[in-house]
Amino acid sequence: MSVKEILEKRRSVRHYDPNYKINSEILVSLIKSASKSPNGNNIQATRYLVIDDPHLRDSLLPVAFNQQQVKEASVLIVILGDYQAFEKENIIKIHEEGFQEGFFDESLRDYLASAAIHYYENKSKEDLAIELTRDASLASMSLLLLANEAGFDTITMSGYNSEQLRSVLHISERYLDIMLIAIGKGTKNGHKTVRHDVNKVIFKNKID
């Protein structure tokens, strides 16, 4: 299917076959492709915490307000943003790797790295959280589309208790939790939803 066809047909699926397993190599392939998504200054801050321990899944069920896909879907991923990606050492390392691959010359390497370092250095943690959320959301959408293209059903979840999730999974302050993604084989189609007419969401030059 084309991207357009996937977007037209996909639904948020909440009921999954708990016995269906997704091959780990397929999952890695999906995440590898999703990691090619656009991200600010190529700092690559998105992390994918795959939860495959059944006991952890059970512990997360009440944390996510008893949404059954947390334990029934083949794959449960916690999408995280890594604050350490903003550090100077990471930015320099990534641009050096690009230079070594021959993607740009020394001059452009130095310019890109310097520009990225200066862009982030005076931002507050709240500002950086917005950057992480933006980049991780782009990667998450890519992951959904790739999973749907591969024949799987998906749903994103923001409905969970962040503090409890971080406690159960021992997530440090280094990371910002952004959303949960469940992937698997649905047993019941997601319901259709109404979308605004496109002319209601497009504005030109100003917005009321």
C-alpha atoms as a PDB file:
ATOM      1  CA  MET A   1       0.000   0.000   0.000  1.00  0.00           C
ATOM      2  CA  SER A   2       1.039   3.586  -0.527  1.00  0.00           C
ATOM      3  CA  VAL A   3       1.483   5.927   2.442  1.00  0.00           C
ATOM      4  CA  LYS A   4      -1.783   7.594   1.474  1.00  0.00           C
ATOM      5  CA  GLU A   5      -3.617   4.250   1.454  1.00  0.00           C
ATOM      6  CA  ILE A   6      -2.207   3.314   4.866  1.00  0.00           C
ATOM      7  CA  LEU A   7      -3.323   6.628   6.361  1.00  0.00           C
ATOM      8  CA  GLU A   8      -6.780   6.239   4.857  1.00  0.00           C
ATOM      9  CA  LYS A   9      -7.225   2.677   6.100  1.00  0.00           C
ATOM     10  CA  ARG A  10      -5.394   2.440   9.433  1.00  0.00           C
ATOM     11  CA  ARG A  11      -7.278   2.435  12.718  1.00  0.00           C
ATOM     12  CA  SER A  12      -6.174   2.488  16.322  1.00  0.00           C
ATOM     13  CA  VAL A  13      -6.593  -1.157  17.309  1.00  0.00           C
ATOM     14  CA  ARG A  14      -7.163  -2.028  20.969  1.00  0.00           C
ATOM     15  CA  HIS A  15      -7.789  -5.788  20.806  1.00  0.00           C
ATOM     16  CA  TYR A  16      -4.922  -8.120  19.911  1.00  0.00           C
ATOM     17  CA  ASP A  17      -4.171 -11.814  19.606  1.00  0.00           C
ATOM     18  CA  PRO A  18      -1.998 -12.467  22.686  1.00  0.00           C
ATOM     19  CA  ASN A  19      -0.573 -15.617  21.098  1.00  0.00           C
ATOM     20  CA  TYR A  20       0.763 -13.909  17.998  1.00  0.00           C
ATOM     21  CA  LYS A  21       4.477 -13.173  18.095  1.00  0.00           C
ATOM     22  CA  ILE A  22       6.440 -10.763  15.933  1.00  0.00           C
ATOM     23  CA  ASN A  23       9.888 -11.990  14.976  1.00  0.00           C
ATOM     24  CA  SER A  24      12.567  -9.951  16.734  1.00  0.00           C
ATOM     25  CA  GLU A  25      14.435  -9.442  13.465  1.00  0.00           C
ATOM     26  CA  ILE A  26      11.330  -7.914  11.906  1.00  0.00           C
ATOM     27  CA  LEU A  27      10.928  -5.578  14.879  1.00  0.00           C
ATOM     28  CA  VAL A  28      14.560  -4.491  14.680  1.00  0.00           C
ATOM     29  CA  SER A  29      14.112  -3.859  10.960  1.00  0.00           C
ATOM     30  CA  LEU A  30      11.054  -1.673  11.582  1.00  0.00           C
ATOM     31  CA  ILE A  31      12.854   0.369  14.233  1.00  0.00           C
ATOM     32  CA  LYS A  32      15.956   0.679  12.054  1.00  0.00           C
ATOM     33  CA  SER A  33      13.864   2.201   9.282  1.00  0.00           C
ATOM     34  CA  ALA A  34      11.936   4.446  11.681  1.00  0.00           C
ATOM     35  CA  SER A  35      15.240   5.782  12.995  1.00  0.00           C
ATOM     36  CA  LYS A  36      15.803   7.370   9.570  1.00  0.00           C
ATOM     37  CA  SER A  37      13.046   9.872  10.388  1.00  0.00           C
ATOM     38  CA  PRO A  38      13.815  13.600  10.424  1.00  0.00           C
ATOM     39  CA  ASN A  39      15.294  14.840  13.684  1.00  0.00           C
ATOM     40  CA  GLY A  40      16.768  18.129  14.812  1.00  0.00           C
ATOM     41  CA  ASN A  41      20.445  18.506  13.882  1.00  0.00           C
ATOM     42  CA  ASN A  42      20.642  14.726  13.438  1.00  0.00           C
ATOM     43  CA  ILE A  43      21.332  14.262  17.166  1.00  0.00           C
ATOM     44  CA  GLN A  44      19.226  11.057  17.111  1.00  0.00           C
ATOM     45  CA  ALA A  45      17.687  11.363  20.568  1.00  0.00           C
ATOM     46  CA  THR A  46      14.821   8.857  20.245  1.00  0.00           C
ATOM     47  CA  ARG A  47      15.085   5.591  22.189  1.00  0.00           C
ATOM     48  CA  TYR A  48      12.849   2.520  21.895  1.00  0.00           C
ATOM     49  CA  LEU A  49      12.383   0.581  25.135  1.00  0.00           C
ATOM     50  CA  VAL A  50      10.863  -2.778  24.129  1.00  0.00           C
ATOM     51  CA  ILE A  51       8.988  -4.481  26.959  1.00  0.00           C
ATOM     52  CA  ASP A  52       8.767  -8.243  26.405  1.00  0.00           C
ATOM     53  CA  ASP A  53       8.827  -9.471  30.006  1.00  0.00           C
ATOM     54  CA  PRO A  54       5.282 -10.746  30.754  1.00  0.00           C
ATOM     55  CA  HIS A  55       5.564  -9.757  34.415  1.00  0.00           C
ATOM     56  CA  LEU A  56       6.503  -6.210  33.484  1.00  0.00           C
ATOM     57  CA  ARG A  57       3.583  -6.123  31.075  1.00  0.00           C
ATOM     58  CA  ASP A  58       1.268  -7.163  33.907  1.00  0.00           C
ATOM     59  CA  SER A  59       2.743  -4.457  36.143  1.00  0.00           C
ATOM     60  CA  LEU A  60       2.193  -1.831  33.458  1.00  0.00           C
ATOM     61  CA  LEU A  61      -1.459  -2.724  32.918  1.00  0.00           C
ATOM     62  CA  PRO A  62      -2.817  -0.629  35.840  1.00  0.00           C
ATOM     63  CA  VAL A  63      -0.260   2.084  35.057  1.00  0.00           C
ATOM     64  CA  ALA A  64      -1.884   2.401  31.620  1.00  0.00           C
ATOM     65  CA  PHE A  65      -5.407   2.425  33.062  1.00  0.00           C
ATOM     66  CA  ASN A  66      -5.989  -1.238  32.231  1.00  0.00           C
ATOM     67  CA  GLN A  67      -5.733  -0.857  28.474  1.00  0.00           C
ATOM     68  CA  GLN A  68      -5.512  -4.533  27.527  1.00  0.00           C
ATOM     69  CA  GLN A  69      -3.248  -3.952  24.533  1.00  0.00           C
ATOM     70  CA  VAL A  70      -0.457  -3.283  27.021  1.00  0.00           C
ATOM     71  CA  LYS A  71      -0.267  -7.012  27.745  1.00  0.00           C
ATOM     72  CA  GLU A  72      -1.984  -8.565  24.715  1.00  0.00           C
ATOM     73  CA  ALA A  73      -0.176  -6.889  21.800  1.00  0.00           C
ATOM     74  CA  SER A  74       2.820  -8.698  20.361  1.00  0.00           C
ATOM     75  CA  VAL A  75       5.074  -5.717  20.999  1.00  0.00           C
ATOM     76  CA  LEU A  76       4.957  -2.919  23.560  1.00  0.00           C
ATOM     77  CA  ILE A  77       7.423  -0.078  23.114  1.00  0.00           C
ATOM     78  CA  VAL A  78       8.039   2.868  25.407  1.00  0.00           C
ATOM     79  CA  ILE A  79       9.172   5.785  23.261  1.00  0.00           C
ATOM     80  CA  LEU A  80      11.764   7.884  25.081  1.00  0.00           C
ATOM     81  CA  GLY A  81      13.816  10.989  24.397  1.00  0.00           C
ATOM     82  CA  ASP A  82      17.419  11.021  25.613  1.00  0.00           C
ATOM     83  CA  TYR A  83      18.532  14.345  27.112  1.00  0.00           C
ATOM     84  CA  GLN A  84      22.166  13.287  26.745  1.00  0.00           C
ATOM     85  CA  ALA A  85      21.790  13.560  22.980  1.00  0.00           C
ATOM     86  CA  PHE A  86      22.079  17.348  23.402  1.00  0.00           C
ATOM     87  CA  GLU A  87      25.540  17.100  24.911  1.00  0.00           C
ATOM     88  CA  LYS A  88      28.485  18.514  22.996  1.00  0.00           C
ATOM     89  CA  GLU A  89      30.318  15.183  22.885  1.00  0.00           C
ATOM     90  CA  ASN A  90      27.400  13.432  21.178  1.00  0.00           C
ATOM     91  CA  ILE A  91      26.942  16.180  18.614  1.00  0.00           C
ATOM     92  CA  ILE A  92      30.633  16.209  17.714  1.00  0.00           C
ATOM     93  CA  LYS A  93      30.746  12.401  17.496  1.00  0.00           C
ATOM     94  CA  ILE A  94      27.771  12.173  15.145  1.00  0.00           C
ATOM     95  CA  HIS A  95      29.122  14.807  12.778  1.00  0.00           C
ATOM     96  CA  GLU A  96      32.563  13.236  12.825  1.00  0.00           C
ATOM     97  CA  GLU A  97      30.968   9.935  11.798  1.00  0.00           C
ATOM     98  CA  GLY A  98      29.243  11.702   8.919  1.00  0.00           C
ATOM     99  CA  PHE A  99      32.562  13.170   7.836  1.00  0.00           C
ATOM    100  CA  GLN A 100      34.261   9.767   8.007  1.00  0.00           C
ATOM    101  CA  GLU A 101      31.510   8.336   5.804  1.00  0.00           C
ATOM    102  CA  GLY A 102      32.232  11.024   3.232  1.00  0.00           C
ATOM    103  CA  PHE A 103      28.842  12.722   3.557  1.00  0.00           C
ATOM    104  CA  PHE A 104      30.432  16.168   3.902  1.00  0.00           C
ATOM    105  CA  ASP A 105      33.833  17.812   4.137  1.00  0.00           C
ATOM    106  CA  GLU A 106      35.643  19.080   7.247  1.00  0.00           C
ATOM    107  CA  SER A 107      34.340  22.608   6.826  1.00  0.00           C
ATOM    108  CA  LEU A 108      30.693  21.534   6.749  1.00  0.00           C
ATOM    109  CA  ARG A 109      31.299  19.048   9.576  1.00  0.00           C
ATOM    110  CA  ASP A 110      32.607  21.797  11.819  1.00  0.00           C
ATOM    111  CA  TYR A 111      29.887  24.235  10.824  1.00  0.00           C
ATOM    112  CA  LEU A 112      27.045  21.767  11.446  1.00  0.00           C
ATOM    113  CA  ALA A 113      28.424  20.613  14.786  1.00  0.00           C
ATOM    114  CA  SER A 114      29.068  24.160  15.990  1.00  0.00           C
ATOM    115  CA  ALA A 115      25.630  25.360  14.912  1.00  0.00           C
ATOM    116  CA  ALA A 116      23.935  22.469  16.735  1.00  0.00           C
ATOM    117  CA  ILE A 117      25.950  22.998  19.929  1.00  0.00           C
ATOM    118  CA  HIS A 118      25.127  26.702  20.028  1.00  0.00           C
ATOM    119  CA  TYR A 119      21.470  26.043  19.231  1.00  0.00           C
ATOM    120  CA  TYR A 120      20.960  23.814  22.276  1.00  0.00           C
ATOM    121  CA  GLU A 121      23.400  25.269  24.826  1.00  0.00           C
ATOM    122  CA  ASN A 122      21.108  27.931  26.299  1.00  0.00           C
ATOM    123  CA  LYS A 123      17.811  26.093  26.092  1.00  0.00           C
ATOM    124  CA  SER A 124      15.902  25.224  29.268  1.00  0.00           C
ATOM    125  CA  LYS A 125      14.956  21.668  30.116  1.00  0.00           C
ATOM    126  CA  GLU A 126      11.396  22.510  29.097  1.00  0.00           C
ATOM    127  CA  ASP A 127      12.655  23.692  25.712  1.00  0.00           C
ATOM    128  CA  LEU A 128      14.680  20.521  25.290  1.00  0.00           C
ATOM    129  CA  ALA A 129      11.641  18.428  26.206  1.00  0.00           C
ATOM    130  CA  ILE A 130       9.788  20.014  23.295  1.00  0.00           C
ATOM    131  CA  GLU A 131      12.684  19.129  21.003  1.00  0.00           C
ATOM    132  CA  LEU A 132      12.648  15.518  22.220  1.00  0.00           C
ATOM    133  CA  THR A 133       8.883  15.232  21.856  1.00  0.00           C
ATOM    134  CA  ARG A 134       8.981  16.593  18.317  1.00  0.00           C
ATOM    135  CA  ASP A 135      11.719  14.243  17.156  1.00  0.00           C
ATOM    136  CA  ALA A 136      10.285  11.179  18.887  1.00  0.00           C
ATOM    137  CA  SER A 137       6.817  11.878  17.498  1.00  0.00           C
ATOM    138  CA  LEU A 138       8.181  11.949  13.956  1.00  0.00           C
ATOM    139  CA  ALA A 139       9.948   8.638  14.562  1.00  0.00           C
ATOM    140  CA  SER A 140       6.829   7.152  16.153  1.00  0.00           C
ATOM    141  CA  MET A 141       4.662   8.036  13.167  1.00  0.00           C
ATOM    142  CA  SER A 142       7.207   6.416  10.878  1.00  0.00           C
ATOM    143  CA  LEU A 143       7.182   3.291  13.027  1.00  0.00           C
ATOM    144  CA  LEU A 144       3.386   3.090  12.856  1.00  0.00           C
ATOM    145  CA  LEU A 145       3.349   3.437   9.082  1.00  0.00           C
ATOM    146  CA  LEU A 146       6.083   0.842   8.681  1.00  0.00           C
ATOM    147  CA  ALA A 147       4.289  -1.591  10.985  1.00  0.00           C
ATOM    148  CA  ASN A 148       1.004  -1.106   9.152  1.00  0.00           C
ATOM    149  CA  GLU A 149       2.764  -1.569   5.819  1.00  0.00           C
ATOM    150  CA  ALA A 150       4.159  -4.870   7.147  1.00  0.00           C
ATOM    151  CA  GLY A 151       0.621  -6.063   7.912  1.00  0.00           C
ATOM    152  CA  PHE A 152       0.454  -5.338  11.633  1.00  0.00           C
ATOM    153  CA  ASP A 153      -2.037  -3.308  13.642  1.00  0.00           C
ATOM    154  CA  THR A 154      -0.969  -0.474  15.907  1.00  0.00           C
ATOM    155  CA  ILE A 155      -1.993   2.042  18.521  1.00  0.00           C
ATOM    156  CA  THR A 156      -0.237   4.901  20.287  1.00  0.00           C
ATOM    157  CA  MET A 157      -0.968   5.580  23.951  1.00  0.00           C
ATOM    158  CA  SER A 158      -0.500   8.717  26.002  1.00  0.00           C
ATOM    159  CA  GLY A 159      -2.980   7.445  28.572  1.00  0.00           C
ATOM    160  CA  TYR A 160      -0.719   6.257  31.362  1.00  0.00           C
ATOM    161  CA  ASN A 161       0.623   7.499  34.671  1.00  0.00           C
ATOM    162  CA  SER A 162       4.071   8.821  33.852  1.00  0.00           C
ATOM    163  CA  GLU A 163       5.407   8.718  37.398  1.00  0.00           C
ATOM    164  CA  GLN A 164       4.299   5.112  37.904  1.00  0.00           C
ATOM    165  CA  LEU A 165       5.614   4.033  34.514  1.00  0.00           C
ATOM    166  CA  ARG A 166       9.022   5.479  35.288  1.00  0.00           C
ATOM    167  CA  SER A 167       9.029   3.786  38.676  1.00  0.00           C
ATOM    168  CA  VAL A 168       8.062   0.335  37.388  1.00  0.00           C
ATOM    169  CA  LEU A 169      10.624   0.455  34.573  1.00  0.00           C
ATOM    170  CA  HIS A 170      13.325   2.296  36.583  1.00  0.00           C
ATOM    171  CA  ILE A 171      13.606   5.035  33.954  1.00  0.00           C
ATOM    172  CA  SER A 172      16.100   7.686  35.042  1.00  0.00           C
ATOM    173  CA  GLU A 173      15.822  11.446  34.658  1.00  0.00           C
ATOM    174  CA  ARG A 174      18.104  11.128  31.634  1.00  0.00           C
ATOM    175  CA  TYR A 175      15.043  10.153  29.607  1.00  0.00           C
ATOM    176  CA  LEU A 176      11.724  11.789  28.823  1.00  0.00           C
ATOM    177  CA  ASP A 177       8.853   9.350  28.394  1.00  0.00           C
ATOM    178  CA  ILE A 178       6.792  10.384  25.394  1.00  0.00           C
ATOM    179  CA  MET A 179       4.317   7.647  24.480  1.00  0.00           C
ATOM    180  CA  LEU A 180       3.617   3.931  24.352  1.00  0.00           C
ATOM    181  CA  ILE A 181       3.204   2.035  21.093  1.00  0.00           C
ATOM    182  CA  ALA A 182       1.555  -1.375  20.802  1.00  0.00           C
ATOM    183  CA  ILE A 183       2.005  -3.495  17.674  1.00  0.00           C
ATOM    184  CA  GLY A 184       0.474  -6.862  16.834  1.00  0.00           C
ATOM    185  CA  LYS A 185      -2.320  -8.729  15.075  1.00  0.00           C
ATOM    186  CA  GLY A 186      -5.695  -7.252  15.869  1.00  0.00           C
ATOM    187  CA  THR A 187      -8.687  -9.439  16.686  1.00  0.00           C
ATOM    188  CA  LYS A 188     -11.183  -6.608  16.338  1.00  0.00           C
ATOM    189  CA  ASN A 189     -11.023  -3.707  13.936  1.00  0.00           C
ATOM    190  CA  GLY A 190     -10.593  -0.263  15.364  1.00  0.00           C
ATOM    191  CA  HIS A 191     -13.592   2.008  14.918  1.00  0.00           C
ATOM    192  CA  LYS A 192     -13.682   4.675  12.235  1.00  0.00           C
ATOM    193  CA  THR A 193     -13.242   8.290  13.237  1.00  0.00           C
ATOM    194  CA  VAL A 194     -14.442  11.608  11.871  1.00  0.00           C
ATOM    195  CA  ARG A 195     -11.879  14.102  10.641  1.00  0.00           C
ATOM    196  CA  HIS A 196     -12.411  17.803  10.030  1.00  0.00           C
ATOM    197  CA  ASP A 197     -12.958  18.898   6.466  1.00  0.00           C
ATOM    198  CA  VAL A 198      -9.577  19.912   5.087  1.00  0.00           C
ATOM    199  CA  ASN A 199     -10.754  23.468   4.514  1.00  0.00           C
ATOM    200  CA  LYS A 200     -11.337  23.765   8.248  1.00  0.00           C
ATOM    201  CA  VAL A 201      -7.710  23.081   9.096  1.00  0.00           C
ATOM    202  CA  ILE A 202      -5.899  25.028   6.358  1.00  0.00           C
ATOM    203  CA  PHE A 203      -5.120  28.711   6.883  1.00  0.00           C
ATOM    204  CA  LYS A 204      -3.194  31.149   4.722  1.00  0.00           C
ATOM    205  CA  ASN A 205      -0.930  33.874   6.044  1.00  0.00           C
ATOM    206  CA  LYS A 206      -2.894  34.308   9.288  1.00  0.00           C
ATOM    207  CA  ILE A 207      -4.973  32.233  11.675  1.00  0.00           C
ATOM    208  CA  ASP A 208      -7.893  33.464  13.795  1.00  0.00           C
END
